[in-house]
Amino acid sequence: MEKTTMSKDNFLYPRGRYYGQVKPENLVFNANLQEFAQRISYICNLETNGKLSPEDAYDQIKALWKQLKRTKKQLQIGENPFQESDDNSEDSGNL
């Protein structure tokens, strides 16, 4: 029986699979979103256990949110929601 070992990074920073439309900008944003969620979890746990003040937790979460919004804007995620990646977008309006 083969024993699998989990690395410390995989344990501390787990990554979920991506099931959406495979485009480079979507993959990058998904990775950023997962990192955002992981960091939010750590901040919440530190605040809950009294290691971080509520004000510091709020400030850190706010900074992470602004960073995620900036990434979304830079990657142009959701700016053209009806534009398809292939050239069939002209035919999609005809029934």
Protein backbone atom coordinates (compact mmCIF):
# COMPACT_ATOMS: atom_id res chain seq x y z
CA MET A 1 0.00 0.00 0.00
CA GLU A 2 1.42 3.36 -1.03
CA LYS A 3 1.58 5.98 1.67
CA THR A 4 0.84 9.50 0.49
CA THR A 5 2.27 12.42 2.37
CA MET A 6 0.70 15.81 2.41
CA SER A 7 3.06 18.72 2.25
CA LYS A 8 2.77 21.49 4.79
CA ASP A 9 1.80 23.99 2.07
CA ASN A 10 -0.96 21.74 0.73
CA PHE A 11 -2.29 21.35 4.27
CA LEU A 12 -2.14 25.04 5.17
CA TYR A 13 -3.15 26.40 1.77
CA PRO A 14 -5.54 23.91 0.17
CA ARG A 15 -6.68 24.59 -3.39
CA GLY A 16 -9.95 23.53 -4.91
CA ARG A 17 -10.44 22.52 -8.53
CA TYR A 18 -11.67 25.08 -11.01
CA TYR A 19 -14.78 24.08 -12.96
CA GLY A 20 -15.54 27.31 -14.83
CA GLN A 21 -14.68 28.47 -18.32
CA VAL A 22 -10.96 27.83 -18.78
CA LYS A 23 -9.33 31.12 -19.67
CA PRO A 24 -6.04 32.40 -18.23
CA GLU A 25 -7.67 35.38 -16.54
CA ASN A 26 -10.33 33.17 -14.95
CA LEU A 27 -7.71 30.77 -13.59
CA VAL A 28 -5.64 33.62 -12.15
CA PHE A 29 -8.70 35.20 -10.54
CA ASN A 30 -9.80 31.85 -9.12
CA ALA A 31 -6.37 31.38 -7.52
CA ASN A 32 -6.56 34.91 -6.09
CA LEU A 33 -10.07 34.27 -4.80
CA GLN A 34 -9.02 31.08 -3.05
CA GLU A 35 -6.07 32.86 -1.45
CA PHE A 36 -8.42 35.68 -0.36
CA ALA A 37 -10.77 33.17 1.28
CA GLN A 38 -7.89 31.42 3.05
CA ARG A 39 -6.51 34.68 4.42
CA ILE A 40 -9.97 35.81 5.55
CA SER A 41 -10.33 32.53 7.43
CA TYR A 42 -7.01 33.07 9.22
CA ILE A 43 -7.89 36.66 10.13
CA CYS A 44 -11.30 35.59 11.48
CA ASN A 45 -9.73 32.82 13.54
CA LEU A 46 -7.08 35.16 14.98
CA GLU A 47 -9.74 37.71 15.89
CA THR A 48 -12.01 35.06 17.42
CA ASN A 49 -9.17 33.77 19.59
CA GLY A 50 -8.24 37.27 20.77
CA LYS A 51 -4.90 37.42 18.96
CA LEU A 52 -6.10 40.26 16.72
CA SER A 53 -8.31 43.20 17.60
CA PRO A 54 -11.61 43.62 15.74
CA GLU A 55 -10.36 46.90 14.28
CA ASP A 56 -7.16 45.29 12.98
CA ALA A 57 -9.13 42.38 11.55
CA TYR A 58 -11.51 44.78 9.81
CA ASP A 59 -8.63 46.81 8.37
CA GLN A 60 -6.86 43.71 7.08
CA ILE A 61 -10.03 42.31 5.52
CA LYS A 62 -10.78 45.67 3.91
CA ALA A 63 -7.27 45.80 2.42
CA LEU A 64 -7.60 42.25 1.08
CA TRP A 65 -11.00 43.10 -0.44
CA LYS A 66 -9.57 46.16 -2.19
CA GLN A 67 -6.71 44.04 -3.51
CA LEU A 68 -9.16 41.43 -4.85
CA LYS A 69 -11.30 44.11 -6.50
CA ARG A 70 -8.19 45.62 -8.12
CA THR A 71 -7.19 42.21 -9.45
CA LYS A 72 -10.69 41.66 -10.86
CA LYS A 73 -10.56 45.01 -12.62
CA GLN A 74 -7.06 44.40 -14.01
CA LEU A 75 -8.07 40.99 -15.35
CA GLN A 76 -11.31 42.46 -16.78
CA ILE A 77 -13.40 39.72 -15.17
CA GLY A 78 -17.12 40.18 -15.87
CA GLU A 79 -16.79 43.26 -18.07
CA ASN A 80 -18.19 41.52 -21.17
CA PRO A 81 -20.46 38.84 -19.69
CA PHE A 82 -22.17 38.03 -23.01
CA GLN A 83 -19.03 37.88 -25.12
CA GLU A 84 -18.08 34.30 -25.91
CA SER A 85 -14.49 33.22 -26.31
CA ASP A 86 -15.09 31.73 -29.78
CA ASP A 87 -16.44 33.44 -32.90
CA ASN A 88 -20.03 32.16 -32.48
CA SER A 89 -21.13 35.32 -30.67
CA GLU A 90 -22.54 36.79 -33.91
CA ASP A 91 -24.79 33.75 -34.45
CA SER A 92 -26.06 33.51 -30.88
CA GLY A 93 -28.70 36.23 -31.36
CA ASN A 94 -30.42 34.44 -34.25
CA LEU A 95 -33.03 31.84 -33.40
